[in-house]
PDB file of N, CA and C in Angstrom:
ATOM      1  N   UNK A   1      60.460  -9.073   1.742  1.00  0.00           N
ATOM      2  CA  UNK A   1      61.826  -9.484   1.830  1.00  0.00           C
ATOM      3  C   UNK A   1      62.428  -9.548   0.362  1.00  0.00           C
ATOM      4  N   UNK A   2      61.889 -10.895  -0.506  1.00  0.00           N
ATOM      5  CA  UNK A   2      62.261 -11.193  -1.547  1.00  0.00           C
ATOM      6  C   UNK A   2      62.322  -9.444  -2.725  1.00  0.00           C
ATOM      7  N   UNK A   3      61.329  -8.743  -2.578  1.00  0.00           N
ATOM      8  CA  UNK A   3      61.526  -7.679  -3.334  1.00  0.00           C
ATOM      9  C   UNK A   3      62.532  -6.779  -2.447  1.00  0.00           C
ATOM     10  N   UNK A   4      63.099  -6.910  -1.690  1.00  0.00           N
ATOM     11  CA  UNK A   4      64.090  -5.699  -1.118  1.00  0.00           C
ATOM     12  C   UNK A   4      65.414  -6.375  -1.636  1.00  0.00           C
ATOM     13  N   UNK A   5      65.680  -7.725  -1.741  1.00  0.00           N
ATOM     14  CA  UNK A   5      66.964  -8.497  -1.981  1.00  0.00           C
ATOM     15  C   UNK A   5      67.117  -8.272  -3.346  1.00  0.00           C
ATOM     16  N   UNK A   6      66.283  -8.589  -4.068  1.00  0.00           N
ATOM     17  CA  UNK A   6      66.283  -7.944  -5.782  1.00  0.00           C
ATOM     18  C   UNK A   6      66.493  -6.999  -5.630  1.00  0.00           C
ATOM     19  N   UNK A   7      66.479  -5.547  -5.053  1.00  0.00           N
ATOM     20  CA  UNK A   7      66.949  -4.397  -5.159  1.00  0.00           C
ATOM     21  C   UNK A   7      68.326  -4.196  -4.871  1.00  0.00           C
ATOM     22  N   UNK A   8      68.993  -5.072  -3.749  1.00  0.00           N
ATOM     23  CA  UNK A   8      69.995  -4.851  -3.176  1.00  0.00           C
ATOM     24  C   UNK A   8      71.198  -4.502  -3.953  1.00  0.00           C
ATOM     25  N   UNK A   9      71.136  -5.630  -5.025  1.00  0.00           N
ATOM     26  CA  UNK A   9      72.276  -5.485  -6.110  1.00  0.00           C
ATOM     27  C   UNK A   9      73.258  -6.377  -5.743  1.00  0.00           C
ATOM     28  N   UNK A  10      73.772  -6.891  -4.533  1.00  0.00           N
ATOM     29  CA  UNK A  10      74.491  -7.910  -4.513  1.00  0.00           C
ATOM     30  C   UNK A  10      74.277  -9.528  -4.234  1.00  0.00           C
ATOM     31  N   UNK A  11      72.829  -9.548  -4.381  1.00  0.00           N
ATOM     32  CA  UNK A  11      72.251 -10.949  -4.502  1.00  0.00           C
ATOM     33  C   UNK A  11      72.866 -11.696  -5.783  1.00  0.00           C
ATOM     34  N   UNK A  12      73.351 -13.125  -5.599  1.00  0.00           N
ATOM     35  CA  UNK A  12      73.425 -13.701  -6.419  1.00  0.00           C
ATOM     36  C   UNK A  12      72.402 -14.669  -6.485  1.00  0.00           C
ATOM     37  N   UNK A  13      71.965 -15.521  -5.374  1.00  0.00           N
ATOM     38  CA  UNK A  13      70.796 -16.495  -5.396  1.00  0.00           C
ATOM     39  C   UNK A  13      70.263 -16.413  -4.164  1.00  0.00           C
ATOM     40  N   UNK A  14      69.267 -16.923  -3.983  1.00  0.00           N
ATOM     41  CA  UNK A  14      68.061 -16.956  -2.868  1.00  0.00           C
ATOM     42  C   UNK A  14      67.441 -18.321  -3.122  1.00  0.00           C
ATOM     43  N   UNK A  15      67.756 -18.991  -1.373  1.00  0.00           N
ATOM     44  CA  UNK A  15      66.845 -20.405  -1.665  1.00  0.00           C
ATOM     45  C   UNK A  15      65.832 -20.403  -0.609  1.00  0.00           C
ATOM     46  N   UNK A  16      64.572 -20.761  -0.772  1.00  0.00           N
ATOM     47  CA  UNK A  16      63.544 -20.866   0.162  1.00  0.00           C
ATOM     48  C   UNK A  16      63.790 -22.063   1.493  1.00  0.00           C
ATOM     49  N   UNK A  17      63.365 -21.835   2.321  1.00  0.00           N
ATOM     50  CA  UNK A  17      63.909 -22.749   3.402  1.00  0.00           C
ATOM     51  C   UNK A  17      64.750 -23.913   2.823  1.00  0.00           C
ATOM     52  N   UNK A  18      65.954 -23.434   3.162  1.00  0.00           N
ATOM     53  CA  UNK A  18      67.138 -24.163   2.405  1.00  0.00           C
ATOM     54  C   UNK A  18      67.588 -25.292   3.278  1.00  0.00           C
ATOM     55  N   UNK A  19      67.655 -25.240   4.836  1.00  0.00           N
ATOM     56  CA  UNK A  19      67.666 -26.464   5.494  1.00  0.00           C
ATOM     57  C   UNK A  19      67.325 -26.177   6.915  1.00  0.00           C
ATOM     58  N   UNK A  20      67.234 -27.340   7.463  1.00  0.00           N
ATOM     59  CA  UNK A  20      66.472 -27.997   8.911  1.00  0.00           C
ATOM     60  C   UNK A  20      67.825 -27.672   9.843  1.00  0.00           C
ATOM     61  N   UNK A  21      67.954 -26.751  11.072  1.00  0.00           N
ATOM     62  CA  UNK A  21      68.504 -26.739  11.907  1.00  0.00           C
ATOM     63  C   UNK A  21      68.391 -27.438  13.317  1.00  0.00           C
ATOM     64  N   UNK A  22      68.989 -28.373  13.712  1.00  0.00           N
ATOM     65  CA  UNK A  22      68.583 -29.364  14.694  1.00  0.00           C
ATOM     66  C   UNK A  22      69.103 -28.861  16.047  1.00  0.00           C
ATOM     67  N   UNK A  23      68.548 -28.464  17.338  1.00  0.00           N
ATOM     68  CA  UNK A  23      69.373 -28.022  18.573  1.00  0.00           C
ATOM     69  C   UNK A  23      68.661 -28.421  19.496  1.00  0.00           C
ATOM     70  N   UNK A  24      69.305 -28.227  20.331  1.00  0.00           N
ATOM     71  CA  UNK A  24      68.937 -28.521  21.767  1.00  0.00           C
ATOM     72  C   UNK A  24      68.611 -27.569  22.871  1.00  0.00           C
ATOM     73  N   UNK A  25      67.606 -27.384  23.330  1.00  0.00           N
ATOM     74  CA  UNK A  25      67.467 -25.770  24.398  1.00  0.00           C
ATOM     75  C   UNK A  25      66.842 -26.644  25.527  1.00  0.00           C
ATOM     76  N   UNK A  26      67.019 -26.252  26.853  1.00  0.00           N
ATOM     77  CA  UNK A  26      66.291 -26.614  27.921  1.00  0.00           C
ATOM     78  C   UNK A  26      65.870 -27.990  27.936  1.00  0.00           C
ATOM     79  N   UNK A  27      67.160 -29.008  27.411  1.00  0.00           N
ATOM     80  CA  UNK A  27      66.875 -30.154  27.477  1.00  0.00           C
ATOM     81  C   UNK A  27      65.974 -30.725  26.484  1.00  0.00           C
ATOM     82  N   UNK A  28      65.251 -30.044  25.741  1.00  0.00           N
ATOM     83  CA  UNK A  28      64.480 -30.658  24.577  1.00  0.00           C
ATOM     84  C   UNK A  28      65.095 -30.365  23.349  1.00  0.00           C
ATOM     85  N   UNK A  29      65.085 -31.201  22.290  1.00  0.00           N
ATOM     86  CA  UNK A  29      65.713 -31.412  20.832  1.00  0.00           C
ATOM     87  C   UNK A  29      64.569 -30.610  19.988  1.00  0.00           C
ATOM     88  N   UNK A  30      65.138 -29.552  19.385  1.00  0.00           N
ATOM     89  CA  UNK A  30      64.182 -28.885  18.299  1.00  0.00           C
ATOM     90  C   UNK A  30      64.864 -28.823  17.397  1.00  0.00           C
ATOM     91  N   UNK A  31      63.780 -28.592  15.921  1.00  0.00           N
ATOM     92  CA  UNK A  31      64.071 -28.075  14.884  1.00  0.00           C
ATOM     93  C   UNK A  31      63.583 -26.871  14.325  1.00  0.00           C
ATOM     94  N   UNK A  32      64.644 -26.374  13.287  1.00  0.00           N
ATOM     95  CA  UNK A  32      64.003 -24.773  12.726  1.00  0.00           C
ATOM     96  C   UNK A  32      64.407 -24.819  11.254  1.00  0.00           C
ATOM     97  N   UNK A  33      63.697 -24.207  10.440  1.00  0.00           N
ATOM     98  CA  UNK A  33      63.974 -24.001   9.346  1.00  0.00           C
ATOM     99  C   UNK A  33      64.086 -22.670   8.843  1.00  0.00           C
ATOM    100  N   UNK A  34      64.980 -22.023   8.759  1.00  0.00           N
ATOM    101  CA  UNK A  34      64.904 -20.662   8.054  1.00  0.00           C
ATOM    102  C   UNK A  34      64.103 -20.298   6.719  1.00  0.00           C
ATOM    103  N   UNK A  35      63.947 -19.207   6.911  1.00  0.00           N
ATOM    104  CA  UNK A  35      62.887 -18.837   5.688  1.00  0.00           C
ATOM    105  C   UNK A  35      63.704 -18.655   4.331  1.00  0.00           C
ATOM    106  N   UNK A  36      64.739 -18.151   4.112  1.00  0.00           N
ATOM    107  CA  UNK A  36      65.793 -17.852   3.097  1.00  0.00           C
ATOM    108  C   UNK A  36      67.166 -17.946   3.660  1.00  0.00           C
ATOM    109  N   UNK A  37      67.773 -18.327   2.300  1.00  0.00           N
ATOM    110  CA  UNK A  37      69.462 -18.278   2.512  1.00  0.00           C
ATOM    111  C   UNK A  37      69.478 -17.349   1.281  1.00  0.00           C
ATOM    112  N   UNK A  38      70.066 -16.633   1.379  1.00  0.00           N
ATOM    113  CA  UNK A  38      70.797 -15.616   0.541  1.00  0.00           C
ATOM    114  C   UNK A  38      71.938 -15.378  -0.012  1.00  0.00           C
ATOM    115  N   UNK A  39      72.287 -15.704  -1.122  1.00  0.00           N
ATOM    116  CA  UNK A  39      73.847 -15.662  -1.273  1.00  0.00           C
ATOM    117  C   UNK A  39      74.275 -14.414  -2.087  1.00  0.00           C
ATOM    118  N   UNK A  40      75.010 -13.633  -1.409  1.00  0.00           N
ATOM    119  CA  UNK A  40      75.364 -12.311  -2.138  1.00  0.00           C
ATOM    120  C   UNK A  40      77.119 -12.365  -2.169  1.00  0.00           C
ATOM    121  N   UNK A  41      77.256 -11.236  -2.979  1.00  0.00           N
ATOM    122  CA  UNK A  41      78.698 -11.076  -3.136  1.00  0.00           C
ATOM    123  C   UNK A  41      79.403 -10.614  -2.025  1.00  0.00           C
ATOM    124  N   UNK A  42      78.464 -10.360  -0.756  1.00  0.00           N
ATOM    125  CA  UNK A  42      79.416 -10.074   0.264  1.00  0.00           C
ATOM    126  C   UNK A  42      79.468 -11.219   1.347  1.00  0.00           C
ATOM    127  N   UNK A  43      78.849 -12.232   1.128  1.00  0.00           N
ATOM    128  CA  UNK A  43      78.562 -13.531   2.147  1.00  0.00           C
ATOM    129  C   UNK A  43      77.241 -14.156   1.747  1.00  0.00           C
ATOM    130  N   UNK A  44      77.060 -15.274   3.090  1.00  0.00           N
ATOM    131  CA  UNK A  44      75.847 -15.570   2.898  1.00  0.00           C
ATOM    132  C   UNK A  44      75.127 -15.575   4.085  1.00  0.00           C
ATOM    133  N   UNK A  45      73.701 -15.341   3.997  1.00  0.00           N
ATOM    134  CA  UNK A  45      72.980 -14.999   4.905  1.00  0.00           C
ATOM    135  C   UNK A  45      71.514 -15.800   5.256  1.00  0.00           C
ATOM    136  N   UNK A  46      71.577 -16.369   6.283  1.00  0.00           N
ATOM    137  CA  UNK A  46      70.111 -17.290   6.802  1.00  0.00           C
ATOM    138  C   UNK A  46      69.395 -15.835   7.171  1.00  0.00           C
ATOM    139  N   UNK A  47      67.891 -16.281   6.591  1.00  0.00           N
ATOM    140  CA  UNK A  47      67.454 -15.126   7.088  1.00  0.00           C
ATOM    141  C   UNK A  47      65.835 -15.470   7.319  1.00  0.00           C
ATOM    142  N   UNK A  48      65.404 -14.982   8.437  1.00  0.00           N
ATOM    143  CA  UNK A  48      63.685 -15.507   9.221  1.00  0.00           C
ATOM    144  C   UNK A  48      63.109 -14.263   9.002  1.00  0.00           C
ATOM    145  N   UNK A  49      61.711 -14.453   8.371  1.00  0.00           N
ATOM    146  CA  UNK A  49      60.434 -13.045   8.268  1.00  0.00           C
ATOM    147  C   UNK A  49      59.600 -13.631   9.301  1.00  0.00           C
ATOM    148  N   UNK A  50      59.344 -12.764  10.283  1.00  0.00           N
ATOM    149  CA  UNK A  50      58.102 -12.981  11.048  1.00  0.00           C
ATOM    150  C   UNK A  50      57.777 -11.483  11.543  1.00  0.00           C
ATOM    151  N   UNK A  51      56.638 -11.064  11.532  1.00  0.00           N
ATOM    152  CA  UNK A  51      56.433  -9.881  12.408  1.00  0.00           C
ATOM    153  C   UNK A  51      56.618  -9.715  13.654  1.00  0.00           C
ATOM    154  N   UNK A  52      57.288  -8.651  14.305  1.00  0.00           N
ATOM    155  CA  UNK A  52      57.412  -8.489  15.489  1.00  0.00           C
ATOM    156  C   UNK A  52      56.576  -8.875  16.563  1.00  0.00           C
ATOM    157  N   UNK A  53      55.044  -8.757  16.485  1.00  0.00           N
ATOM    158  CA  UNK A  53      54.114  -9.015  17.318  1.00  0.00           C
ATOM    159  C   UNK A  53      53.728 -10.778  17.382  1.00  0.00           C
ATOM    160  N   UNK A  54      54.353 -11.219  16.668  1.00  0.00           N
ATOM    161  CA  UNK A  54      53.923 -12.695  16.129  1.00  0.00           C
ATOM    162  C   UNK A  54      55.304 -13.548  17.077  1.00  0.00           C
ATOM    163  N   UNK A  55      56.285 -12.910  17.384  1.00  0.00           N
ATOM    164  CA  UNK A  55      57.497 -13.345  17.814  1.00  0.00           C
ATOM    165  C   UNK A  55      57.304 -14.027  19.055  1.00  0.00           C
ATOM    166  N   UNK A  56      57.245 -15.303  19.316  1.00  0.00           N
ATOM    167  CA  UNK A  56      57.319 -16.100  20.566  1.00  0.00           C
ATOM    168  C   UNK A  56      58.816 -16.388  21.361  1.00  0.00           C
ATOM    169  N   UNK A  57      58.921 -17.041  22.445  1.00  0.00           N
ATOM    170  CA  UNK A  57      60.075 -17.274  23.203  1.00  0.00           C
ATOM    171  C   UNK A  57      60.451 -18.633  22.353  1.00  0.00           C
ATOM    172  N   UNK A  58      59.553 -19.159  21.824  1.00  0.00           N
ATOM    173  CA  UNK A  58      60.223 -20.522  21.001  1.00  0.00           C
ATOM    174  C   UNK A  58      61.033 -20.171  20.059  1.00  0.00           C
ATOM    175  N   UNK A  59      60.362 -18.883  19.203  1.00  0.00           N
ATOM    176  CA  UNK A  59      60.878 -18.329  18.042  1.00  0.00           C
ATOM    177  C   UNK A  59      62.410 -17.643  18.251  1.00  0.00           C
ATOM    178  N   UNK A  60      62.561 -17.004  18.871  1.00  0.00           N
ATOM    179  CA  UNK A  60      63.653 -16.208  19.531  1.00  0.00           C
ATOM    180  C   UNK A  60      64.617 -17.226  19.643  1.00  0.00           C
ATOM    181  N   UNK A  61      64.372 -18.421  20.239  1.00  0.00           N
ATOM    182  CA  UNK A  61      65.320 -19.531  20.666  1.00  0.00           C
ATOM    183  C   UNK A  61      65.840 -20.171  19.119  1.00  0.00           C
ATOM    184  N   UNK A  62      64.533 -20.431  18.209  1.00  0.00           N
ATOM    185  CA  UNK A  62      64.925 -20.734  17.268  1.00  0.00           C
ATOM    186  C   UNK A  62      65.890 -20.170  16.038  1.00  0.00           C
ATOM    187  N   UNK A  63      65.493 -18.874  16.428  1.00  0.00           N
ATOM    188  CA  UNK A  63      66.423 -17.670  15.485  1.00  0.00           C
ATOM    189  C   UNK A  63      67.864 -17.859  15.965  1.00  0.00           C
ATOM    190  N   UNK A  64      68.020 -17.772  17.404  1.00  0.00           N
ATOM    191  CA  UNK A  64      69.404 -17.989  17.675  1.00  0.00           C
ATOM    192  C   UNK A  64      69.962 -18.964  17.806  1.00  0.00           C
ATOM    193  N   UNK A  65      69.382 -20.137  17.418  1.00  0.00           N
ATOM    194  CA  UNK A  65      70.129 -21.202  16.547  1.00  0.00           C
ATOM    195  C   UNK A  65      70.531 -20.927  15.352  1.00  0.00           C
ATOM    196  N   UNK A  66      69.791 -20.441  14.393  1.00  0.00           N
ATOM    197  CA  UNK A  66      70.050 -20.027  13.081  1.00  0.00           C
ATOM    198  C   UNK A  66      70.879 -19.089  12.818  1.00  0.00           C
ATOM    199  N   UNK A  67      71.141 -18.149  14.197  1.00  0.00           N
ATOM    200  CA  UNK A  67      72.302 -17.197  14.008  1.00  0.00           C
ATOM    201  C   UNK A  67      73.660 -18.071  14.338  1.00  0.00           C
ATOM    202  N   UNK A  68      74.013 -18.881  15.515  1.00  0.00           N
ATOM    203  CA  UNK A  68      74.741 -19.445  15.459  1.00  0.00           C
ATOM    204  C   UNK A  68      75.052 -20.567  14.716  1.00  0.00           C
ATOM    205  N   UNK A  69      74.059 -21.083  13.581  1.00  0.00           N
ATOM    206  CA  UNK A  69      74.808 -21.961  12.394  1.00  0.00           C
ATOM    207  C   UNK A  69      75.284 -20.614  11.218  1.00  0.00           C
ATOM    208  N   UNK A  70      74.800 -19.689  11.178  1.00  0.00           N
ATOM    209  CA  UNK A  70      74.814 -18.893  10.233  1.00  0.00           C
ATOM    210  C   UNK A  70      76.855 -18.191  10.701  1.00  0.00           C
ATOM    211  N   UNK A  71      76.833 -18.027  12.010  1.00  0.00           N
ATOM    212  CA  UNK A  71      78.351 -17.627  12.018  1.00  0.00           C
ATOM    213  C   UNK A  71      79.379 -18.978  11.983  1.00  0.00           C
ATOM    214  N   UNK A  72      78.610 -20.522  12.172  1.00  0.00           N
ATOM    215  CA  UNK A  72      79.592 -21.680  12.175  1.00  0.00           C
ATOM    216  C   UNK A  72      79.732 -21.662  10.248  1.00  0.00           C
ATOM    217  N   UNK A  73      78.778 -21.005   9.450  1.00  0.00           N
ATOM    218  CA  UNK A  73      78.867 -21.088   8.322  1.00  0.00           C
ATOM    219  C   UNK A  73      80.217 -20.496   7.640  1.00  0.00           C
ATOM    220  N   UNK A  74      79.837 -19.222   8.287  1.00  0.00           N
ATOM    221  CA  UNK A  74      80.946 -17.845   7.651  1.00  0.00           C
ATOM    222  C   UNK A  74      82.383 -18.219   8.440  1.00  0.00           C
ATOM    223  N   UNK A  75      82.403 -18.859   9.792  1.00  0.00           N
ATOM    224  CA  UNK A  75      83.726 -19.435  10.207  1.00  0.00           C
ATOM    225  C   UNK A  75      84.128 -20.135   9.121  1.00  0.00           C
ATOM    226  N   UNK A  76      83.707 -21.381   8.848  1.00  0.00           N
ATOM    227  CA  UNK A  76      84.023 -22.684   8.001  1.00  0.00           C
ATOM    228  C   UNK A  76      84.665 -22.057   6.520  1.00  0.00           C
ATOM    229  N   UNK A  77      83.860 -21.187   6.220  1.00  0.00           N
ATOM    230  CA  UNK A  77      84.247 -20.760   4.764  1.00  0.00           C
ATOM    231  C   UNK A  77      85.458 -19.689   4.954  1.00  0.00           C
ATOM    232  N   UNK A  78      85.573 -18.901   5.889  1.00  0.00           N
ATOM    233  CA  UNK A  78      86.731 -18.146   5.980  1.00  0.00           C
ATOM    234  C   UNK A  78      87.627 -19.029   6.090  1.00  0.00           C
ATOM    235  N   UNK A  79      87.868 -20.092   7.335  1.00  0.00           N
ATOM    236  CA  UNK A  79      88.691 -21.204   7.136  1.00  0.00           C
ATOM    237  C   UNK A  79      89.351 -21.670   5.988  1.00  0.00           C
ATOM    238  N   UNK A  80      88.359 -22.003   5.200  1.00  0.00           N
ATOM    239  CA  UNK A  80      88.464 -23.014   3.648  1.00  0.00           C
ATOM    240  C   UNK A  80      89.122 -21.695   3.001  1.00  0.00           C
ATOM    241  N   UNK A  81      88.837 -20.640   3.383  1.00  0.00           N
ATOM    242  CA  UNK A  81      90.071 -19.437   2.192  1.00  0.00           C
ATOM    243  C   UNK A  81      91.082 -19.338   2.269  1.00  0.00           C
ATOM    244  N   UNK A  82      91.367 -19.226   3.763  1.00  0.00           N
ATOM    245  CA  UNK A  82      92.971 -19.306   4.232  1.00  0.00           C
ATOM    246  C   UNK A  82      94.012 -20.228   3.686  1.00  0.00           C
TER     247      UNK A  82
END
């Protein structure tokens, strides 16, 4: 993944395990730490790396929480730019 980002050309910075996301699902409090945060000239991306056969239902919930957090970051950034 890092090698691919290196060749993408738009990457400004990459941070490993950048933050811990807390969320509630099915009445349980959970946390998830995305693998990478990539800052590019086109935006900021939270990235999780996991081979498809190893992804469990709990992982899918964590990935969904990361997507929600990523969308919130993009929305906040766009509102700030206005």
